[in-house]
């Protein structure tokens, strides 16, 4: 997968993170495991869509002035955890700037541009072999 970074540097660059990205949670598969946060919605034209965050991407880490959090926000306690019912609580609790959210996701393996480039390269190589006359030079 690829890593996509969504940053908010300072107060002047204020954007509403709660409106820009919505999460859904996936509870742990085994007892004592970590909860996963997946992007459920990305506001069109917002900062998250500008850095190519897409629906289905997984939140890997949260970087703030206080440090890098890869585990704490994913801790899960079924008896006391309200994050399961309100995944946006993770974003509401973040008040320290600068703030960086790191996502992991996949990109489309085959796009129109990629297909066009492969076709162009095939035509170019065939033309180059004809012009250079590779078959005549090896006889």
C-alpha atoms as a PDB file:
ATOM      1  CA  UNK A   1       0.000   0.000   0.000  1.00  0.00           C
ATOM      2  CA  UNK A   2       0.858   3.642  -0.222  1.00  0.00           C
ATOM      3  CA  UNK A   3       1.044   6.189   2.551  1.00  0.00           C
ATOM      4  CA  UNK A   4      -0.921   9.445   2.285  1.00  0.00           C
ATOM      5  CA  UNK A   5      -0.307  12.304   4.702  1.00  0.00           C
ATOM      6  CA  UNK A   6      -2.898  14.897   5.725  1.00  0.00           C
ATOM      7  CA  UNK A   7      -1.311  17.852   7.562  1.00  0.00           C
ATOM      8  CA  UNK A   8      -2.626  20.870   9.402  1.00  0.00           C
ATOM      9  CA  UNK A   9       0.379  23.085  10.143  1.00  0.00           C
ATOM     10  CA  UNK A  10      -1.030  25.967  12.169  1.00  0.00           C
ATOM     11  CA  UNK A  11      -4.146  27.904  13.142  1.00  0.00           C
ATOM     12  CA  UNK A  12      -4.161  29.988   9.913  1.00  0.00           C
ATOM     13  CA  UNK A  13      -4.529  26.821   7.884  1.00  0.00           C
ATOM     14  CA  UNK A  14      -7.630  25.846   9.815  1.00  0.00           C
ATOM     15  CA  UNK A  15      -9.926  23.316   8.197  1.00  0.00           C
ATOM     16  CA  UNK A  16     -12.665  21.292   9.740  1.00  0.00           C
ATOM     17  CA  UNK A  17     -11.159  17.841  10.037  1.00  0.00           C
ATOM     18  CA  UNK A  18     -14.419  16.414  11.372  1.00  0.00           C
ATOM     19  CA  UNK A  19     -16.275  17.485   8.228  1.00  0.00           C
ATOM     20  CA  UNK A  20     -13.460  16.516   5.863  1.00  0.00           C
ATOM     21  CA  UNK A  21     -12.928  12.883   6.869  1.00  0.00           C
ATOM     22  CA  UNK A  22     -15.372  10.410   8.435  1.00  0.00           C
ATOM     23  CA  UNK A  23     -14.240   7.090   9.871  1.00  0.00           C
ATOM     24  CA  UNK A  24     -15.762   3.713  10.499  1.00  0.00           C
ATOM     25  CA  UNK A  25     -14.330   1.296  13.003  1.00  0.00           C
ATOM     26  CA  UNK A  26     -13.597  -2.379  12.718  1.00  0.00           C
ATOM     27  CA  UNK A  27     -13.358  -4.080  16.112  1.00  0.00           C
ATOM     28  CA  UNK A  28     -10.432  -6.387  16.857  1.00  0.00           C
ATOM     29  CA  UNK A  29     -10.569  -9.892  15.428  1.00  0.00           C
ATOM     30  CA  UNK A  30      -9.216 -11.442  18.627  1.00  0.00           C
ATOM     31  CA  UNK A  31      -9.338 -10.580  22.358  1.00  0.00           C
ATOM     32  CA  UNK A  32      -6.824  -7.893  23.308  1.00  0.00           C
ATOM     33  CA  UNK A  33      -6.384  -6.809  19.692  1.00  0.00           C
ATOM     34  CA  UNK A  34      -6.358  -3.322  18.176  1.00  0.00           C
ATOM     35  CA  UNK A  35      -9.306  -1.521  16.631  1.00  0.00           C
ATOM     36  CA  UNK A  36      -8.916  -0.376  13.013  1.00  0.00           C
ATOM     37  CA  UNK A  37     -10.120   2.965  11.608  1.00  0.00           C
ATOM     38  CA  UNK A  38     -11.087   3.106   7.939  1.00  0.00           C
ATOM     39  CA  UNK A  39     -12.096   6.172   5.943  1.00  0.00           C
ATOM     40  CA  UNK A  40     -15.834   6.031   5.277  1.00  0.00           C
ATOM     41  CA  UNK A  41     -16.280   9.465   3.667  1.00  0.00           C
ATOM     42  CA  UNK A  42     -14.017  12.144   2.160  1.00  0.00           C
ATOM     43  CA  UNK A  43     -15.432  15.603   1.477  1.00  0.00           C
ATOM     44  CA  UNK A  44     -14.985  16.530  -2.195  1.00  0.00           C
ATOM     45  CA  UNK A  45     -12.614  19.457  -2.661  1.00  0.00           C
ATOM     46  CA  UNK A  46     -11.330  19.233   0.919  1.00  0.00           C
ATOM     47  CA  UNK A  47      -7.739  18.805   2.100  1.00  0.00           C
ATOM     48  CA  UNK A  48      -8.076  15.020   2.357  1.00  0.00           C
ATOM     49  CA  UNK A  49      -9.195  14.704  -1.263  1.00  0.00           C
ATOM     50  CA  UNK A  50      -6.356  17.058  -2.286  1.00  0.00           C
ATOM     51  CA  UNK A  51      -3.793  14.573  -0.947  1.00  0.00           C
ATOM     52  CA  UNK A  52      -5.646  11.641  -2.585  1.00  0.00           C
ATOM     53  CA  UNK A  53      -7.133  10.070   0.551  1.00  0.00           C
ATOM     54  CA  UNK A  54      -9.922   7.751  -0.576  1.00  0.00           C
ATOM     55  CA  UNK A  55     -12.728   5.751   0.992  1.00  0.00           C
ATOM     56  CA  UNK A  56     -11.371   2.513   2.413  1.00  0.00           C
ATOM     57  CA  UNK A  57      -7.963   3.859   3.450  1.00  0.00           C
ATOM     58  CA  UNK A  58      -6.763   2.873   6.948  1.00  0.00           C
ATOM     59  CA  UNK A  59      -5.562   5.364   9.549  1.00  0.00           C
ATOM     60  CA  UNK A  60      -2.044   4.297  10.565  1.00  0.00           C
ATOM     61  CA  UNK A  61      -0.825   7.007  12.898  1.00  0.00           C
ATOM     62  CA  UNK A  62      -1.489  10.431  14.340  1.00  0.00           C
ATOM     63  CA  UNK A  63       1.444  12.843  14.712  1.00  0.00           C
ATOM     64  CA  UNK A  64       1.147  15.863  17.015  1.00  0.00           C
ATOM     65  CA  UNK A  65       3.509  18.070  18.982  1.00  0.00           C
ATOM     66  CA  UNK A  66       3.144  15.570  21.819  1.00  0.00           C
ATOM     67  CA  UNK A  67       4.543  12.774  19.634  1.00  0.00           C
ATOM     68  CA  UNK A  68       3.583   9.982  17.286  1.00  0.00           C
ATOM     69  CA  UNK A  69       0.630   7.798  18.236  1.00  0.00           C
ATOM     70  CA  UNK A  70       0.411   4.481  16.415  1.00  0.00           C
ATOM     71  CA  UNK A  71      -1.218   2.426  19.151  1.00  0.00           C
ATOM     72  CA  UNK A  72      -3.012   4.462  21.804  1.00  0.00           C
ATOM     73  CA  UNK A  73      -5.897   5.642  19.594  1.00  0.00           C
ATOM     74  CA  UNK A  74      -6.455   2.030  18.528  1.00  0.00           C
ATOM     75  CA  UNK A  75      -6.672   0.590  22.058  1.00  0.00           C
ATOM     76  CA  UNK A  76      -9.974  -1.150  22.595  1.00  0.00           C
ATOM     77  CA  UNK A  77     -11.841  -1.825  25.806  1.00  0.00           C
ATOM     78  CA  UNK A  78     -15.314  -3.171  25.051  1.00  0.00           C
ATOM     79  CA  UNK A  79     -16.733  -2.233  28.443  1.00  0.00           C
ATOM     80  CA  UNK A  80     -15.751   1.452  28.407  1.00  0.00           C
ATOM     81  CA  UNK A  81     -15.005   2.330  24.792  1.00  0.00           C
ATOM     82  CA  UNK A  82     -17.262   4.918  23.179  1.00  0.00           C
ATOM     83  CA  UNK A  83     -15.057   5.185  20.067  1.00  0.00           C
ATOM     84  CA  UNK A  84     -16.695   2.053  18.644  1.00  0.00           C
ATOM     85  CA  UNK A  85     -20.014   3.906  18.464  1.00  0.00           C
ATOM     86  CA  UNK A  86     -18.495   7.310  17.546  1.00  0.00           C
ATOM     87  CA  UNK A  87     -15.286   6.949  15.480  1.00  0.00           C
ATOM     88  CA  UNK A  88     -15.057  10.739  15.066  1.00  0.00           C
ATOM     89  CA  UNK A  89     -14.168  10.976  18.777  1.00  0.00           C
ATOM     90  CA  UNK A  90     -10.566  10.265  17.797  1.00  0.00           C
ATOM     91  CA  UNK A  91     -10.474  13.494  15.772  1.00  0.00           C
ATOM     92  CA  UNK A  92     -12.440  15.521  18.345  1.00  0.00           C
ATOM     93  CA  UNK A  93      -9.822  14.784  20.984  1.00  0.00           C
ATOM     94  CA  UNK A  94      -6.995  16.219  18.846  1.00  0.00           C
ATOM     95  CA  UNK A  95      -6.334  19.835  19.797  1.00  0.00           C
ATOM     96  CA  UNK A  96      -2.548  20.148  19.420  1.00  0.00           C
ATOM     97  CA  UNK A  97      -1.140  21.606  16.194  1.00  0.00           C
ATOM     98  CA  UNK A  98       0.646  20.837  13.952  1.00  0.00           C
ATOM     99  CA  UNK A  99      -1.364  17.726  13.251  1.00  0.00           C
ATOM    100  CA  UNK A 100      -0.561  14.981  10.749  1.00  0.00           C
ATOM    101  CA  UNK A 101      -2.741  11.975   9.941  1.00  0.00           C
ATOM    102  CA  UNK A 102      -1.041   9.141   8.074  1.00  0.00           C
ATOM    103  CA  UNK A 103      -3.213   6.813   5.982  1.00  0.00           C
ATOM    104  CA  UNK A 104      -2.461   3.603   4.157  1.00  0.00           C
ATOM    105  CA  UNK A 105      -4.319   2.672   1.024  1.00  0.00           C
ATOM    106  CA  UNK A 106      -4.155   1.239  -2.429  1.00  0.00           C
ATOM    107  CA  UNK A 107      -4.158   2.890  -5.811  1.00  0.00           C
ATOM    108  CA  UNK A 108      -5.749   1.633  -9.013  1.00  0.00           C
ATOM    109  CA  UNK A 109      -3.307  -0.788 -10.633  1.00  0.00           C
ATOM    110  CA  UNK A 110      -4.408  -0.025 -14.179  1.00  0.00           C
ATOM    111  CA  UNK A 111      -5.574   3.386 -15.294  1.00  0.00           C
ATOM    112  CA  UNK A 112      -6.355   4.877 -18.684  1.00  0.00           C
ATOM    113  CA  UNK A 113      -3.055   6.787 -18.683  1.00  0.00           C
ATOM    114  CA  UNK A 114      -1.129   3.608 -17.901  1.00  0.00           C
ATOM    115  CA  UNK A 115      -2.845   1.723 -20.734  1.00  0.00           C
ATOM    116  CA  UNK A 116      -2.154   4.580 -23.161  1.00  0.00           C
ATOM    117  CA  UNK A 117       1.514   4.652 -22.177  1.00  0.00           C
ATOM    118  CA  UNK A 118       1.861   0.848 -22.580  1.00  0.00           C
ATOM    119  CA  UNK A 119       0.252   1.038 -26.029  1.00  0.00           C
ATOM    120  CA  UNK A 120       2.464   3.927 -27.079  1.00  0.00           C
ATOM    121  CA  UNK A 121       5.603   2.115 -25.899  1.00  0.00           C
ATOM    122  CA  UNK A 122       4.582  -1.039 -27.790  1.00  0.00           C
ATOM    123  CA  UNK A 123       4.084   0.904 -31.030  1.00  0.00           C
ATOM    124  CA  UNK A 124       7.362   2.753 -30.463  1.00  0.00           C
ATOM    125  CA  UNK A 125       9.317  -0.480 -29.876  1.00  0.00           C
ATOM    126  CA  UNK A 126       7.838  -2.126 -32.978  1.00  0.00           C
ATOM    127  CA  UNK A 127       8.741   0.963 -35.009  1.00  0.00           C
ATOM    128  CA  UNK A 128      12.262   1.025 -33.524  1.00  0.00           C
ATOM    129  CA  UNK A 129      12.854  -2.658 -34.390  1.00  0.00           C
ATOM    130  CA  UNK A 130      11.646  -2.073 -37.960  1.00  0.00           C
ATOM    131  CA  UNK A 131      13.830   1.011 -38.428  1.00  0.00           C
ATOM    132  CA  UNK A 132      16.928  -0.607 -36.932  1.00  0.00           C
ATOM    133  CA  UNK A 133      16.230  -3.822 -38.852  1.00  0.00           C
ATOM    134  CA  UNK A 134      17.092  -6.139 -36.024  1.00  0.00           C
ATOM    135  CA  UNK A 135      16.278  -9.229 -38.090  1.00  0.00           C
ATOM    136  CA  UNK A 136      18.797  -8.272 -40.815  1.00  0.00           C
ATOM    137  CA  UNK A 137      21.629  -7.483 -38.405  1.00  0.00           C
ATOM    138  CA  UNK A 138      21.618 -10.965 -36.855  1.00  0.00           C
ATOM    139  CA  UNK A 139      21.851 -12.914 -40.144  1.00  0.00           C
END
